Amino acid sequence: MAFFSSRICLVYLSFQSNYPYSNLKTPGLVDCSYGPSLKHFPFAEDATAIVSSIRAFFAEYVSTYYPTCGLRTSDREIQDLIAEANGAARVLDFPPASLDRRTTLINMLTHLAYVTGVSHHALNSNAPSAMADILFFHPSAF
């Protein structure tokens, strides 16, 4: 991957810069100011619908579970997660501590759910791991 500049590599290894929309915008796949726009981009269209649903769920969850800013900032588990990510784990571009903005927590939870659920399974061909263990025994494999 020598053709990537170090700036581009840091963007792809960053947390907030790797949110689904930003991840498509950075290489010029959406909202590009140069070249022709894509007429049809099924991945972006599907991802937008999925991320919107995940975001709506977490917006309702965060509003219900943390009705005030004080409850978010006093939640030790969330604050410890942020401290570890920004400290020992050295996650680039992770949201800073205190979470005084509700949207920051919603964006963070949405991204974590998208990466660990949707994106992970899409990139792994959505194949159940149990099938990978028995595939070579299948008669059509011979």
N, C-alpha and C. Protein backbone atom coordinates (compact mmCIF):
# COMPACT_ATOMS: atom_id res chain seq x y z
N MET A 1 0.82 -1.18 0.00
CA MET A 1 0.00 0.00 0.00
C MET A 1 0.87 1.25 0.00
N ALA A 2 1.92 1.21 -0.73
CA ALA A 2 2.84 2.32 -0.77
C ALA A 2 2.25 3.56 -1.42
N PHE A 3 1.17 3.40 -2.19
CA PHE A 3 0.59 4.55 -2.88
C PHE A 3 -0.21 5.46 -1.95
N PHE A 4 -0.52 5.00 -0.75
CA PHE A 4 -1.23 5.84 0.21
C PHE A 4 -0.26 6.80 0.87
N SER A 5 -0.67 8.04 0.99
CA SER A 5 0.16 8.98 1.74
C SER A 5 -0.04 8.71 3.22
N SER A 6 0.87 9.19 4.04
CA SER A 6 0.73 8.96 5.48
C SER A 6 -0.51 9.66 6.01
N ARG A 7 -0.92 10.79 5.42
CA ARG A 7 -2.11 11.49 5.87
C ARG A 7 -3.35 10.63 5.63
N ILE A 8 -3.44 10.01 4.46
CA ILE A 8 -4.58 9.16 4.15
C ILE A 8 -4.60 7.95 5.08
N CYS A 9 -3.46 7.34 5.35
CA CYS A 9 -3.40 6.19 6.26
C CYS A 9 -3.90 6.57 7.65
N LEU A 10 -3.51 7.75 8.13
CA LEU A 10 -3.97 8.18 9.45
C LEU A 10 -5.48 8.39 9.47
N VAL A 11 -6.04 8.85 8.36
CA VAL A 11 -7.49 9.03 8.29
C VAL A 11 -8.19 7.68 8.41
N TYR A 12 -7.69 6.67 7.73
CA TYR A 12 -8.33 5.36 7.77
C TYR A 12 -8.12 4.65 9.10
N LEU A 13 -7.15 5.05 9.87
CA LEU A 13 -6.91 4.44 11.17
C LEU A 13 -7.51 5.26 12.30
N SER A 14 -8.19 6.33 11.98
CA SER A 14 -8.78 7.21 12.97
C SER A 14 -10.22 6.80 13.28
N PHE A 15 -10.69 7.16 14.45
CA PHE A 15 -12.03 6.75 14.88
C PHE A 15 -13.12 7.61 14.23
N GLN A 16 -13.18 8.90 14.58
CA GLN A 16 -14.24 9.75 14.07
C GLN A 16 -14.13 9.97 12.56
N SER A 17 -12.93 10.02 12.04
CA SER A 17 -12.73 10.20 10.60
C SER A 17 -13.17 8.97 9.83
N ASN A 18 -13.37 7.88 10.52
CA ASN A 18 -13.77 6.63 9.88
C ASN A 18 -15.27 6.34 10.05
N TYR A 19 -16.03 7.34 10.52
CA TYR A 19 -17.49 7.17 10.56
C TYR A 19 -17.94 6.87 9.13
N PRO A 20 -19.00 6.08 8.95
CA PRO A 20 -19.37 5.60 7.61
C PRO A 20 -19.42 6.68 6.52
N TYR A 21 -20.08 7.81 6.78
CA TYR A 21 -20.17 8.84 5.75
C TYR A 21 -18.79 9.44 5.45
N SER A 22 -18.03 9.74 6.49
CA SER A 22 -16.68 10.29 6.30
C SER A 22 -15.79 9.31 5.57
N ASN A 23 -15.97 8.03 5.86
CA ASN A 23 -15.17 6.99 5.23
C ASN A 23 -15.41 6.93 3.72
N LEU A 24 -16.61 7.28 3.28
CA LEU A 24 -16.92 7.32 1.85
C LEU A 24 -16.54 8.66 1.23
N LYS A 25 -16.57 9.71 2.01
CA LYS A 25 -16.26 11.04 1.49
C LYS A 25 -14.76 11.25 1.29
N THR A 26 -13.95 10.75 2.18
CA THR A 26 -12.50 10.97 2.13
C THR A 26 -11.88 10.52 0.80
N PRO A 27 -12.17 9.32 0.31
CA PRO A 27 -11.58 8.93 -0.97
C PRO A 27 -12.33 9.48 -2.19
N GLY A 28 -13.38 10.29 -1.96
CA GLY A 28 -14.11 10.89 -3.06
C GLY A 28 -15.23 10.06 -3.63
N LEU A 29 -15.76 9.13 -2.86
CA LEU A 29 -16.85 8.28 -3.35
C LEU A 29 -18.21 8.96 -3.26
N VAL A 30 -18.38 9.89 -2.32
CA VAL A 30 -19.60 10.69 -2.21
C VAL A 30 -19.20 12.15 -2.02
N ASP A 31 -20.07 13.03 -2.46
CA ASP A 31 -19.84 14.49 -2.35
C ASP A 31 -18.46 14.90 -2.84
N CYS A 32 -18.06 14.38 -3.96
CA CYS A 32 -16.74 14.68 -4.51
C CYS A 32 -16.80 15.97 -5.33
N SER A 33 -15.81 16.83 -5.17
CA SER A 33 -15.80 18.10 -5.90
C SER A 33 -15.13 17.98 -7.26
N TYR A 34 -14.59 16.84 -7.60
CA TYR A 34 -13.93 16.66 -8.89
C TYR A 34 -14.44 15.39 -9.56
N GLY A 35 -14.38 15.34 -10.86
CA GLY A 35 -14.80 14.16 -11.61
C GLY A 35 -16.30 13.97 -11.61
N PRO A 36 -16.77 13.02 -12.38
CA PRO A 36 -18.22 12.78 -12.43
C PRO A 36 -18.71 12.08 -11.16
N SER A 37 -19.93 12.41 -10.78
CA SER A 37 -20.50 11.75 -9.60
C SER A 37 -20.99 10.36 -10.00
N LEU A 38 -21.03 9.49 -9.03
CA LEU A 38 -21.53 8.14 -9.28
C LEU A 38 -23.05 8.19 -9.44
N LYS A 39 -23.56 7.58 -10.50
CA LYS A 39 -25.01 7.59 -10.74
C LYS A 39 -25.74 6.69 -9.77
N HIS A 40 -25.12 5.60 -9.42
CA HIS A 40 -25.75 4.63 -8.53
C HIS A 40 -24.66 4.00 -7.68
N PHE A 41 -24.80 4.06 -6.38
CA PHE A 41 -23.79 3.53 -5.46
C PHE A 41 -24.52 2.72 -4.40
N PRO A 42 -24.86 1.44 -4.71
CA PRO A 42 -25.67 0.62 -3.80
C PRO A 42 -25.11 0.50 -2.39
N PHE A 43 -23.79 0.39 -2.26
CA PHE A 43 -23.21 0.25 -0.93
C PHE A 43 -23.53 1.48 -0.08
N ALA A 44 -23.33 2.67 -0.64
CA ALA A 44 -23.59 3.90 0.10
C ALA A 44 -25.08 4.03 0.42
N GLU A 45 -25.92 3.66 -0.53
CA GLU A 45 -27.36 3.76 -0.31
C GLU A 45 -27.80 2.80 0.81
N ASP A 46 -27.31 1.58 0.78
CA ASP A 46 -27.65 0.61 1.83
C ASP A 46 -27.06 1.03 3.18
N ALA A 47 -25.81 1.44 3.16
CA ALA A 47 -25.15 1.83 4.41
C ALA A 47 -25.85 3.03 5.04
N THR A 48 -26.29 3.97 4.22
CA THR A 48 -26.99 5.15 4.74
C THR A 48 -28.28 4.74 5.45
N ALA A 49 -29.03 3.84 4.86
CA ALA A 49 -30.28 3.38 5.49
C ALA A 49 -30.00 2.64 6.79
N ILE A 50 -28.98 1.79 6.78
CA ILE A 50 -28.65 1.01 7.99
C ILE A 50 -28.13 1.91 9.10
N VAL A 51 -27.21 2.81 8.75
CA VAL A 51 -26.65 3.72 9.75
C VAL A 51 -27.74 4.63 10.32
N SER A 52 -28.64 5.08 9.47
CA SER A 52 -29.75 5.93 9.95
C SER A 52 -30.62 5.18 10.97
N SER A 53 -30.87 3.91 10.72
CA SER A 53 -31.66 3.10 11.66
C SER A 53 -30.91 2.90 12.97
N ILE A 54 -29.62 2.61 12.88
CA ILE A 54 -28.81 2.43 14.09
C ILE A 54 -28.76 3.74 14.87
N ARG A 55 -28.56 4.85 14.16
CA ARG A 55 -28.49 6.16 14.82
C ARG A 55 -29.82 6.49 15.50
N ALA A 56 -30.94 6.19 14.85
CA ALA A 56 -32.25 6.47 15.46
C ALA A 56 -32.43 5.66 16.74
N PHE A 57 -31.99 4.40 16.72
CA PHE A 57 -32.07 3.57 17.92
C PHE A 57 -31.25 4.19 19.05
N PHE A 58 -29.98 4.54 18.76
CA PHE A 58 -29.13 5.08 19.82
C PHE A 58 -29.55 6.48 20.25
N ALA A 59 -30.14 7.25 19.37
CA ALA A 59 -30.64 8.57 19.78
C ALA A 59 -31.75 8.40 20.82
N GLU A 60 -32.64 7.47 20.57
CA GLU A 60 -33.72 7.20 21.54
C GLU A 60 -33.16 6.61 22.83
N TYR A 61 -32.22 5.68 22.69
CA TYR A 61 -31.61 5.04 23.86
C TYR A 61 -30.89 6.06 24.74
N VAL A 62 -30.05 6.89 24.12
CA VAL A 62 -29.27 7.88 24.88
C VAL A 62 -30.21 8.90 25.53
N SER A 63 -31.25 9.32 24.80
CA SER A 63 -32.20 10.29 25.36
C SER A 63 -32.96 9.71 26.55
N THR A 64 -33.23 8.42 26.50
CA THR A 64 -33.95 7.77 27.59
C THR A 64 -33.04 7.46 28.77
N TYR A 65 -31.87 6.91 28.48
CA TYR A 65 -30.97 6.47 29.54
C TYR A 65 -30.22 7.63 30.19
N TYR A 66 -29.91 8.65 29.39
CA TYR A 66 -29.20 9.83 29.89
C TYR A 66 -30.02 11.09 29.59
N PRO A 67 -31.10 11.32 30.32
CA PRO A 67 -31.94 12.49 30.01
C PRO A 67 -31.24 13.83 30.29
N THR A 68 -30.21 13.83 31.12
CA THR A 68 -29.49 15.07 31.39
C THR A 68 -28.00 14.87 31.12
N CYS A 69 -27.34 15.97 30.86
CA CYS A 69 -25.89 15.94 30.59
C CYS A 69 -25.13 15.41 31.81
N GLY A 70 -25.60 15.76 33.00
CA GLY A 70 -24.92 15.33 34.22
C GLY A 70 -24.85 13.81 34.36
N LEU A 71 -25.89 13.12 33.90
CA LEU A 71 -25.88 11.66 33.98
C LEU A 71 -24.84 11.06 33.03
N ARG A 72 -24.67 11.67 31.85
CA ARG A 72 -23.65 11.18 30.90
C ARG A 72 -22.25 11.40 31.45
N THR A 73 -22.02 12.58 31.97
CA THR A 73 -20.67 12.90 32.45
C THR A 73 -20.33 12.20 33.75
N SER A 74 -21.34 11.74 34.49
CA SER A 74 -21.04 11.03 35.74
C SER A 74 -21.04 9.51 35.58
N ASP A 75 -21.32 9.01 34.39
CA ASP A 75 -21.30 7.57 34.14
C ASP A 75 -19.85 7.11 34.05
N ARG A 76 -19.38 6.41 35.09
CA ARG A 76 -17.97 6.02 35.17
C ARG A 76 -17.56 5.06 34.06
N GLU A 77 -18.44 4.16 33.66
CA GLU A 77 -18.06 3.20 32.62
C GLU A 77 -17.81 3.89 31.28
N ILE A 78 -18.67 4.81 30.90
CA ILE A 78 -18.47 5.55 29.66
C ILE A 78 -17.21 6.41 29.77
N GLN A 79 -17.04 7.08 30.89
CA GLN A 79 -15.87 7.94 31.07
C GLN A 79 -14.57 7.12 31.09
N ASP A 80 -14.61 5.93 31.68
CA ASP A 80 -13.43 5.05 31.69
C ASP A 80 -13.11 4.54 30.28
N LEU A 81 -14.15 4.24 29.49
CA LEU A 81 -13.95 3.82 28.11
C LEU A 81 -13.24 4.92 27.32
N ILE A 82 -13.72 6.14 27.48
CA ILE A 82 -13.13 7.27 26.76
C ILE A 82 -11.70 7.52 27.24
N ALA A 83 -11.48 7.43 28.54
CA ALA A 83 -10.13 7.64 29.08
C ALA A 83 -9.17 6.58 28.57
N GLU A 84 -9.60 5.33 28.53
CA GLU A 84 -8.73 4.26 28.03
C GLU A 84 -8.45 4.41 26.54
N ALA A 85 -9.48 4.74 25.77
CA ALA A 85 -9.31 4.90 24.33
C ALA A 85 -8.35 6.05 24.01
N ASN A 86 -8.46 7.14 24.75
CA ASN A 86 -7.58 8.29 24.53
C ASN A 86 -6.24 8.14 25.23
N GLY A 87 -6.14 7.18 26.15
CA GLY A 87 -4.91 6.99 26.90
C GLY A 87 -4.14 5.76 26.45
N ALA A 88 -4.24 4.69 27.23
CA ALA A 88 -3.45 3.48 26.99
C ALA A 88 -3.70 2.86 25.62
N ALA A 89 -4.93 2.87 25.13
CA ALA A 89 -5.23 2.24 23.84
C ALA A 89 -4.75 3.08 22.66
N ARG A 90 -4.55 4.36 22.89
CA ARG A 90 -4.06 5.30 21.86
C ARG A 90 -4.89 5.28 20.57
N VAL A 91 -6.20 5.29 20.72
CA VAL A 91 -7.09 5.33 19.55
C VAL A 91 -7.03 6.74 18.98
N LEU A 92 -6.68 6.84 17.71
CA LEU A 92 -6.58 8.15 17.06
C LEU A 92 -7.96 8.74 16.86
N ASP A 93 -8.11 10.02 17.13
CA ASP A 93 -9.33 10.76 16.83
C ASP A 93 -10.55 10.26 17.59
N PHE A 94 -10.34 9.71 18.78
CA PHE A 94 -11.47 9.26 19.60
C PHE A 94 -12.09 10.47 20.28
N PRO A 95 -13.41 10.50 20.48
CA PRO A 95 -14.03 11.66 21.15
C PRO A 95 -13.40 11.92 22.51
N PRO A 96 -13.22 13.18 22.87
CA PRO A 96 -12.61 13.52 24.16
C PRO A 96 -13.56 13.25 25.33
N ALA A 97 -12.98 13.23 26.50
CA ALA A 97 -13.74 12.94 27.73
C ALA A 97 -14.77 14.02 28.02
N SER A 98 -15.69 13.68 28.82
CA SER A 98 -16.79 14.43 29.41
C SER A 98 -18.10 14.25 28.67
N LEU A 99 -18.10 14.03 27.38
CA LEU A 99 -19.33 13.82 26.61
C LEU A 99 -20.40 14.84 26.96
N ASP A 100 -20.06 16.10 26.89
CA ASP A 100 -21.04 17.13 27.20
C ASP A 100 -22.07 17.30 26.09
N ARG A 101 -21.81 16.74 24.92
CA ARG A 101 -22.79 16.79 23.83
C ARG A 101 -23.39 15.41 23.62
N ARG A 102 -24.71 15.36 23.60
CA ARG A 102 -25.44 14.10 23.41
C ARG A 102 -25.09 13.46 22.07
N THR A 103 -24.95 14.28 21.02
CA THR A 103 -24.67 13.75 19.69
C THR A 103 -23.32 13.04 19.61
N THR A 104 -22.37 13.45 20.44
CA THR A 104 -21.07 12.79 20.45
C THR A 104 -21.22 11.34 20.89
N LEU A 105 -21.98 11.09 21.94
CA LEU A 105 -22.21 9.73 22.41
C LEU A 105 -23.02 8.93 21.39
N ILE A 106 -24.02 9.56 20.79
CA ILE A 106 -24.83 8.87 19.77
C ILE A 106 -23.96 8.48 18.58
N ASN A 107 -23.12 9.38 18.11
CA ASN A 107 -22.23 9.08 16.99
C ASN A 107 -21.24 7.97 17.34
N MET A 108 -20.71 8.02 18.55
CA MET A 108 -19.74 7.01 18.99
C MET A 108 -20.39 5.62 19.05
N LEU A 109 -21.55 5.52 19.67
CA LEU A 109 -22.25 4.24 19.78
C LEU A 109 -22.71 3.73 18.42
N THR A 110 -23.17 4.63 17.57
CA THR A 110 -23.58 4.25 16.21
C THR A 110 -22.41 3.67 15.44
N HIS A 111 -21.26 4.33 15.53
CA HIS A 111 -20.08 3.85 14.81
C HIS A 111 -19.62 2.49 15.34
N LEU A 112 -19.59 2.33 16.65
CA LEU A 112 -19.18 1.05 17.23
C LEU A 112 -20.13 -0.08 16.80
N ALA A 113 -21.43 0.19 16.82
CA ALA A 113 -22.40 -0.83 16.40
C ALA A 113 -22.25 -1.15 14.91
N TYR A 114 -22.03 -0.13 14.10
CA TYR A 114 -21.88 -0.34 12.65
C TYR A 114 -20.62 -1.15 12.34
N VAL A 115 -19.52 -0.78 12.97
CA VAL A 115 -18.25 -1.46 12.68
C VAL A 115 -18.25 -2.89 13.18
N THR A 116 -18.74 -3.12 14.40
CA THR A 116 -18.69 -4.47 14.97
C THR A 116 -19.81 -5.37 14.46
N GLY A 117 -20.83 -4.80 13.90
CA GLY A 117 -21.94 -5.60 13.40
C GLY A 117 -22.00 -5.63 11.89
N VAL A 118 -22.47 -4.57 11.32
CA VAL A 118 -22.74 -4.50 9.88
C VAL A 118 -21.47 -4.62 9.05
N SER A 119 -20.53 -3.73 9.26
CA SER A 119 -19.32 -3.70 8.44
C SER A 119 -18.51 -4.98 8.58
N HIS A 120 -18.37 -5.46 9.79
CA HIS A 120 -17.61 -6.68 10.04
C HIS A 120 -18.19 -7.85 9.25
N HIS A 121 -19.49 -8.02 9.32
CA HIS A 121 -20.12 -9.15 8.64
C HIS A 121 -20.15 -8.97 7.13
N ALA A 122 -20.31 -7.74 6.67
CA ALA A 122 -20.30 -7.50 5.22
C ALA A 122 -18.92 -7.79 4.63
N LEU A 123 -17.88 -7.41 5.34
CA LEU A 123 -16.53 -7.64 4.84
C LEU A 123 -16.10 -9.09 4.95
N ASN A 124 -16.77 -9.85 5.79
CA ASN A 124 -16.47 -11.28 5.93
C ASN A 124 -17.47 -12.13 5.17
N SER A 125 -18.04 -11.57 4.13
CA SER A 125 -18.99 -12.25 3.23
C SER A 125 -20.25 -12.71 3.93
N ASN A 126 -20.50 -12.22 5.13
CA ASN A 126 -21.68 -12.57 5.88
C ASN A 126 -21.83 -14.09 6.03
N ALA A 127 -20.72 -14.79 6.01
CA ALA A 127 -20.74 -16.25 6.11
C ALA A 127 -20.68 -16.69 7.57
N PRO A 128 -21.62 -17.50 7.99
CA PRO A 128 -21.55 -18.01 9.36
C PRO A 128 -20.26 -18.84 9.56
N SER A 129 -19.63 -18.68 10.68
CA SER A 129 -18.36 -19.38 10.91
C SER A 129 -18.54 -20.90 10.93
N ALA A 130 -19.70 -21.38 11.34
CA ALA A 130 -19.93 -22.83 11.35
C ALA A 130 -19.87 -23.40 9.94
N MET A 131 -20.32 -22.65 8.96
CA MET A 131 -20.29 -23.14 7.57
C MET A 131 -18.85 -23.25 7.07
N ALA A 132 -17.98 -22.38 7.51
CA ALA A 132 -16.60 -22.43 7.07
C ALA A 132 -15.91 -23.71 7.56
N ASP A 133 -16.34 -24.23 8.68
CA ASP A 133 -15.73 -25.45 9.24
C ASP A 133 -16.12 -26.71 8.48
N ILE A 134 -17.29 -26.73 7.84
CA ILE A 134 -17.75 -27.95 7.17
C ILE A 134 -17.78 -27.84 5.65
N LEU A 135 -17.43 -26.68 5.11
CA LEU A 135 -17.54 -26.47 3.67
C LEU A 135 -16.73 -27.48 2.86
N PHE A 136 -15.55 -27.83 3.32
CA PHE A 136 -14.72 -28.74 2.53
C PHE A 136 -15.27 -30.17 2.52
N PHE A 137 -16.24 -30.49 3.39
CA PHE A 137 -16.89 -31.81 3.36
C PHE A 137 -18.06 -31.86 2.39
N HIS A 138 -18.43 -30.71 1.85
CA HIS A 138 -19.58 -30.64 0.95
C HIS A 138 -19.28 -31.34 -0.37
N PRO A 139 -20.21 -32.16 -0.89
CA PRO A 139 -19.96 -32.92 -2.12
C PRO A 139 -19.56 -32.05 -3.32
N SER A 140 -20.07 -30.84 -3.41
CA SER A 140 -19.72 -30.00 -4.56
C SER A 140 -18.29 -29.48 -4.48
N ALA A 141 -17.63 -29.66 -3.35
CA ALA A 141 -16.25 -29.21 -3.22
C ALA A 141 -15.27 -30.15 -3.93
N PHE A 142 -15.72 -31.34 -4.30
CA PHE A 142 -14.82 -32.30 -4.95
C PHE A 142 -14.82 -32.09 -6.40
